[in-house]
Amino acid sequence: MDISRFAVIGHPIGHTMSPFIHARLFALSGLSPAYDVLDVPVLSAQLPALRALSGFNITIPHKSAILPFLDAVDEKAALFGSVNTVKNESGRMTGYTTDGVGCEKALRRCGLDFSGRLLILGRGGAARAVAFEAVLSADAPQIDFACRAESMEKARALVDELSALCRRLGKEGVFRVLHYAALESECCRYSLALNATSVGMYPNAGKSIVGESVLARCGAAFDAVYNPGETEFLRTAGRLGLKTVGGMGMLVCQAVAAHEIWYGARFADGDVERLILDAEAETKRLFA
């Protein structure tokens, strides 16, 4: 396989930490291919250019839109309905997803997992990936989704998909959909709260999707947002004594999984930990 040129595609795609992260991973593998940032408004118009790449990562809004243009789709990516990594072998493009496993590995490095009752905040692509990964990982998945009124119908459709997957896997799954207002009056306790929304992301830092009354009923908190490294959501959780996990670990672990797909790379845990810390420091330097 040619491994001379890679990229991340999206639209709009401003500053991204992907080149910093992937350059380090390539260097750790003794490689130095190009890794470009490509703003791609219309996928169909860029197919010849994409087929010329060795592989590429995909961010919003193309994670689902790319599916019809691929020659093959990995089983998990087909299940999730989302692709964030493409491998090109002799012009044949195969799509994969590393979103869910990136979250699972980021949690595991901090001693957490998807067991117990989970609270997933949001109903977008990140929430979907995390939820499917949780169902695949947990013996008896229990997930509450909290979302806005306009997202309730889509959240219920997601629950139907997850319930069907549980039946297929022979698992007993328990799922609920709650409005944020109803969540405030709930008394249910959660092992882990996961913010899968963009609330609190730069440049709108200082906001949290939920407050102390909800987080006080949680054992730990994860935020998919990686800029800033410590969001208001995580700060609030930290004040309550919860173990907290920021989004940079997920981003780096997603990238590690992509390199495993592209050319069978393997990385030492210590190298991955250093990369997470360095990427957090670089993000802070760029946006301070």
Protein backbone atom coordinates (compact mmCIF):
# COMPACT_ATOMS: atom_id res chain seq x y z
CA MET A 1 0.00 0.00 0.00
CA ASP A 2 1.22 3.49 -0.88
CA ILE A 3 1.55 5.61 2.27
CA SER A 4 2.71 8.91 0.84
CA ARG A 5 -0.26 11.25 1.31
CA PHE A 6 -3.09 11.50 3.81
CA ALA A 7 -5.59 14.20 4.77
CA VAL A 8 -8.54 15.22 6.90
CA ILE A 9 -11.63 16.46 5.06
CA GLY A 10 -14.63 18.47 6.22
CA HIS A 11 -16.55 21.70 5.63
CA PRO A 12 -15.98 24.19 7.00
CA ILE A 13 -12.69 23.02 8.42
CA GLY A 14 -10.77 25.70 10.25
CA HIS A 15 -8.00 25.01 12.71
CA THR A 16 -7.79 21.31 13.52
CA MET A 17 -5.41 19.39 15.74
CA SER A 18 -5.38 16.46 13.32
CA PRO A 19 -2.12 17.42 11.50
CA PHE A 20 -0.29 17.80 14.83
CA ILE A 21 -1.52 14.44 16.12
CA HIS A 22 -1.06 12.46 12.93
CA ALA A 23 2.40 13.90 12.24
CA ARG A 24 3.54 12.62 15.65
CA LEU A 25 2.04 9.18 15.03
CA PHE A 26 3.68 8.93 11.61
CA ALA A 27 7.01 10.00 13.14
CA LEU A 28 6.70 7.34 15.86
CA SER A 29 6.24 4.83 13.03
CA GLY A 30 9.33 6.09 11.18
CA LEU A 31 7.24 7.63 8.39
CA SER A 32 6.85 11.17 7.05
CA PRO A 33 3.96 11.31 4.56
CA ALA A 34 2.05 14.49 3.80
CA TYR A 35 -1.08 15.10 5.88
CA ASP A 36 -3.25 17.85 4.41
CA VAL A 37 -6.31 19.73 5.63
CA LEU A 38 -8.89 19.79 2.83
CA ASP A 39 -12.01 21.94 2.87
CA VAL A 40 -14.48 19.88 0.83
CA PRO A 41 -17.88 21.56 0.33
CA VAL A 42 -19.17 18.92 -2.13
CA LEU A 43 -17.93 15.34 -1.83
CA SER A 44 -18.82 14.20 -5.35
CA ALA A 45 -16.70 16.97 -6.89
CA GLN A 46 -13.62 15.82 -4.96
CA LEU A 47 -13.77 12.06 -5.51
CA PRO A 48 -10.83 11.92 -7.96
CA ALA A 49 -8.66 13.86 -5.48
CA LEU A 50 -9.76 11.63 -2.58
CA ARG A 51 -8.97 8.47 -4.55
CA ALA A 52 -5.44 9.81 -5.03
CA LEU A 53 -4.87 9.79 -1.25
CA SER A 54 -3.44 6.86 0.68
CA GLY A 55 -6.15 7.39 3.26
CA PHE A 56 -8.07 10.16 4.96
CA ASN A 57 -10.03 11.16 8.04
CA ILE A 58 -13.50 12.65 7.84
CA THR A 59 -15.17 15.21 10.06
CA ILE A 60 -18.50 17.03 9.89
CA PRO A 61 -20.58 17.17 7.77
CA HIS A 62 -19.38 14.22 5.67
CA LYS A 63 -19.29 11.24 8.06
CA SER A 64 -22.54 9.80 6.74
CA ALA A 65 -22.53 11.50 3.34
CA ILE A 66 -19.35 9.63 2.34
CA LEU A 67 -21.03 6.20 2.55
CA PRO A 68 -22.48 6.01 -1.01
CA PHE A 69 -19.10 6.91 -2.52
CA LEU A 70 -17.14 4.10 -0.85
CA ASP A 71 -16.32 0.75 -2.43
CA ALA A 72 -16.68 -1.08 0.88
CA VAL A 73 -17.72 -0.29 4.46
CA ASP A 74 -16.50 -2.02 7.61
CA GLU A 75 -19.21 -3.84 9.57
CA LYS A 76 -19.02 -1.49 12.56
CA ALA A 77 -19.12 1.63 10.38
CA ALA A 78 -22.18 0.25 8.58
CA LEU A 79 -23.82 -0.42 11.94
CA PHE A 80 -23.02 3.08 13.22
CA GLY A 81 -24.03 4.67 9.90
CA SER A 82 -20.90 6.80 10.08
CA VAL A 83 -17.34 6.78 8.71
CA ASN A 84 -14.42 8.84 10.01
CA THR A 85 -11.50 6.91 8.47
CA VAL A 86 -10.98 5.74 4.89
CA LYS A 87 -8.26 3.39 3.67
CA ASN A 88 -7.38 3.45 -0.03
CA GLU A 89 -5.90 0.28 -1.48
CA SER A 90 -5.17 0.50 -5.22
CA GLY A 91 -8.05 2.92 -5.71
CA ARG A 92 -10.52 0.89 -3.64
CA MET A 93 -11.81 2.98 -0.74
CA THR A 94 -13.00 1.25 2.44
CA GLY A 95 -14.69 3.15 5.26
CA TYR A 96 -14.22 2.59 8.99
CA THR A 97 -15.26 4.30 12.21
CA THR A 98 -12.89 4.88 15.12
CA ASP A 99 -15.16 7.31 17.01
CA GLY A 100 -16.63 4.81 19.45
CA VAL A 101 -13.43 2.90 20.12
CA GLY A 102 -11.62 6.21 20.59
CA CYS A 103 -14.00 7.08 23.42
CA GLU A 104 -13.79 3.58 24.92
CA LYS A 105 -9.98 3.67 24.96
CA ALA A 106 -9.87 7.21 26.34
CA LEU A 107 -12.09 6.11 29.22
CA ARG A 108 -10.14 2.92 29.82
CA ARG A 109 -6.84 4.78 30.19
CA CYS A 110 -8.49 6.60 33.12
CA GLY A 111 -9.91 3.46 34.73
CA LEU A 112 -13.45 3.92 33.40
CA ASP A 113 -15.70 1.91 31.09
CA PHE A 114 -19.27 1.65 29.80
CA SER A 115 -20.58 -0.55 32.62
CA GLY A 116 -23.33 0.73 34.91
CA ARG A 117 -25.98 3.28 33.99
CA LEU A 118 -24.77 5.91 31.53
CA LEU A 119 -26.09 9.41 30.90
CA ILE A 120 -25.39 10.56 27.34
CA LEU A 121 -26.02 14.26 26.76
CA GLY A 122 -27.01 14.96 23.16
CA ARG A 123 -28.32 13.03 20.16
CA GLY A 124 -25.85 13.91 17.39
CA GLY A 125 -23.18 11.86 15.68
CA ALA A 126 -20.89 11.69 18.71
CA ALA A 127 -23.74 10.49 20.94
CA ARG A 128 -24.65 7.83 18.39
CA ALA A 129 -21.08 6.50 18.14
CA VAL A 130 -20.64 6.40 21.93
CA ALA A 131 -24.01 4.69 22.43
CA PHE A 132 -23.35 1.95 19.87
CA GLU A 133 -19.87 1.33 21.30
CA ALA A 134 -21.37 1.11 24.79
CA VAL A 135 -23.91 -1.48 23.66
CA LEU A 136 -21.17 -3.53 22.01
CA SER A 137 -18.92 -3.29 25.10
CA ALA A 138 -21.28 -3.61 28.09
CA ASP A 139 -22.82 -6.90 29.19
CA ALA A 140 -26.12 -5.24 30.09
CA PRO A 141 -26.17 -1.70 28.64
CA GLN A 142 -28.18 0.94 30.48
CA ILE A 143 -28.31 4.35 28.83
CA ASP A 144 -30.38 7.48 29.40
CA PHE A 145 -30.26 10.10 26.63
CA ALA A 146 -30.93 13.75 27.47
CA CYS A 147 -31.70 16.10 24.60
CA ARG A 148 -33.72 19.10 23.46
CA ALA A 149 -37.40 18.84 22.56
CA GLU A 150 -36.69 19.00 18.82
CA SER A 151 -34.31 16.03 19.09
CA MET A 152 -36.58 13.71 21.08
CA GLU A 153 -37.98 11.90 18.03
CA LYS A 154 -34.52 11.18 16.64
CA ALA A 155 -33.36 10.04 20.06
CA ARG A 156 -36.26 7.58 20.26
CA ALA A 157 -35.35 6.28 16.80
CA LEU A 158 -31.79 5.74 18.05
CA VAL A 159 -33.14 3.84 21.06
CA ASP A 160 -35.08 1.58 18.68
CA GLU A 161 -31.85 0.82 16.80
CA LEU A 162 -29.96 0.11 20.02
CA SER A 163 -32.75 -2.14 21.29
CA ALA A 164 -32.67 -4.09 18.03
CA LEU A 165 -28.89 -4.48 18.35
CA CYS A 166 -29.30 -5.78 21.91
CA ARG A 167 -31.79 -8.39 20.74
CA ARG A 168 -29.39 -9.45 18.00
CA LEU A 169 -26.55 -9.77 20.51
CA GLY A 170 -28.70 -11.53 23.11
CA LYS A 171 -28.28 -8.68 25.61
CA GLU A 172 -30.76 -7.03 27.95
CA GLY A 173 -30.61 -3.30 27.26
CA VAL A 174 -32.45 -0.54 29.11
CA PHE A 175 -32.79 2.83 27.37
CA ARG A 176 -34.67 6.05 28.09
CA VAL A 177 -35.02 9.45 26.42
CA LEU A 178 -35.38 12.51 28.64
CA HIS A 179 -35.73 16.22 28.03
CA TYR A 180 -33.07 18.28 29.82
CA ALA A 181 -35.77 19.83 32.02
CA ALA A 182 -36.97 16.39 33.12
CA LEU A 183 -33.40 15.34 33.81
CA GLU A 184 -33.10 18.07 36.42
CA SER A 185 -35.94 16.54 38.45
CA GLU A 186 -34.74 12.94 38.09
CA CYS A 187 -33.33 11.10 41.10
CA CYS A 188 -31.55 8.38 39.10
CA ARG A 189 -27.82 7.97 39.69
CA TYR A 190 -25.31 7.36 36.89
CA SER A 191 -21.89 5.74 36.81
CA LEU A 192 -20.79 8.09 34.04
CA ALA A 193 -22.10 11.25 32.34
CA LEU A 194 -20.88 11.86 28.79
CA ASN A 195 -21.25 15.24 27.09
CA ALA A 196 -21.62 14.48 23.38
CA THR A 197 -22.70 18.03 22.46
CA SER A 198 -20.59 21.01 21.40
CA VAL A 199 -21.72 23.09 24.39
CA GLY A 200 -18.66 24.57 26.08
CA MET A 201 -16.45 24.36 22.98
CA TYR A 202 -14.13 27.23 22.00
CA PRO A 203 -14.92 30.06 21.36
CA ASN A 204 -18.07 29.61 23.49
CA ALA A 205 -16.28 28.24 26.53
CA GLY A 206 -17.71 28.84 29.98
CA LYS A 207 -20.99 27.03 29.37
CA SER A 208 -22.11 23.60 30.55
CA ILE A 209 -24.96 21.50 29.16
CA VAL A 210 -25.98 20.50 32.72
CA GLY A 211 -25.24 21.84 36.18
CA GLU A 212 -24.35 20.59 39.64
CA SER A 213 -27.79 19.13 40.36
CA VAL A 214 -27.29 16.56 37.58
CA LEU A 215 -23.56 15.95 37.95
CA ALA A 216 -23.93 15.40 41.70
CA ARG A 217 -25.74 12.16 40.80
CA CYS A 218 -22.89 10.92 38.58
CA GLY A 219 -19.77 8.96 39.45
CA ALA A 220 -17.57 10.36 36.67
CA ALA A 221 -17.74 12.78 33.74
CA PHE A 222 -16.44 12.65 30.17
CA ASP A 223 -16.53 15.54 27.68
CA ALA A 224 -16.02 14.93 23.95
CA VAL A 225 -15.02 18.61 23.62
CA TYR A 226 -11.22 18.95 23.56
CA ASN A 227 -10.88 22.74 23.24
CA PRO A 228 -10.65 23.95 25.97
CA GLY A 229 -9.01 21.00 27.66
CA GLU A 230 -11.02 21.60 30.82
CA THR A 231 -14.55 22.64 29.94
CA GLU A 232 -17.04 24.17 32.35
CA PHE A 233 -18.79 20.77 32.37
CA LEU A 234 -15.59 19.10 33.60
CA ARG A 235 -14.78 21.95 36.01
CA THR A 236 -18.19 21.56 37.63
CA ALA A 237 -17.73 17.80 37.86
CA GLY A 238 -14.26 18.25 39.35
CA ARG A 239 -15.57 20.58 42.06
CA LEU A 240 -17.96 17.80 43.05
CA GLY A 241 -15.10 15.33 43.37
CA LEU A 242 -15.87 13.34 40.21
CA LYS A 243 -13.18 11.71 38.08
CA THR A 244 -13.06 13.69 34.81
CA VAL A 245 -11.88 12.85 31.29
CA GLY A 246 -11.39 15.46 28.55
CA GLY A 247 -11.90 15.02 24.83
CA MET A 248 -8.27 15.09 23.71
CA GLY A 249 -7.78 11.49 24.80
CA MET A 250 -10.67 10.46 22.55
CA LEU A 251 -9.28 12.44 19.60
CA VAL A 252 -5.81 10.91 19.94
CA CYS A 253 -7.15 7.38 20.46
CA GLN A 254 -9.29 7.78 17.33
CA ALA A 255 -6.15 8.76 15.42
CA VAL A 256 -4.19 5.81 16.83
CA ALA A 257 -6.93 3.46 15.62
CA ALA A 258 -6.80 5.07 12.17
CA HIS A 259 -3.06 4.34 11.88
CA GLU A 260 -3.71 0.76 12.91
CA ILE A 261 -6.18 0.53 10.02
CA TRP A 262 -4.01 2.31 7.46
CA TYR A 263 -0.78 0.38 7.85
CA GLY A 264 -0.97 -1.87 10.92
CA ALA A 265 0.79 0.56 13.28
CA ARG A 266 1.30 -0.21 16.96
CA PHE A 267 2.18 2.38 19.61
CA ALA A 268 3.48 2.13 23.16
CA ASP A 269 1.08 3.34 25.84
CA GLY A 270 3.67 5.84 27.04
CA ASP A 271 3.96 7.41 23.58
CA VAL A 272 0.19 7.80 23.36
CA GLU A 273 0.03 9.38 26.83
CA ARG A 274 2.76 11.87 25.93
CA LEU A 275 0.98 12.75 22.70
CA ILE A 276 -2.26 13.46 24.56
CA LEU A 277 -0.46 15.79 26.97
CA ASP A 278 1.47 17.51 24.16
CA ALA A 279 -1.68 17.96 22.06
CA GLU A 280 -3.47 19.50 25.06
CA ALA A 281 -0.54 21.88 25.59
CA GLU A 282 -0.46 22.80 21.89
CA THR A 283 -4.20 23.49 21.88
CA LYS A 284 -3.82 25.73 24.92
CA ARG A 285 -0.90 27.55 23.29
CA LEU A 286 -2.83 28.17 20.08
CA PHE A 287 -6.03 29.36 21.71
CA ALA A 288 -4.87 30.99 24.95
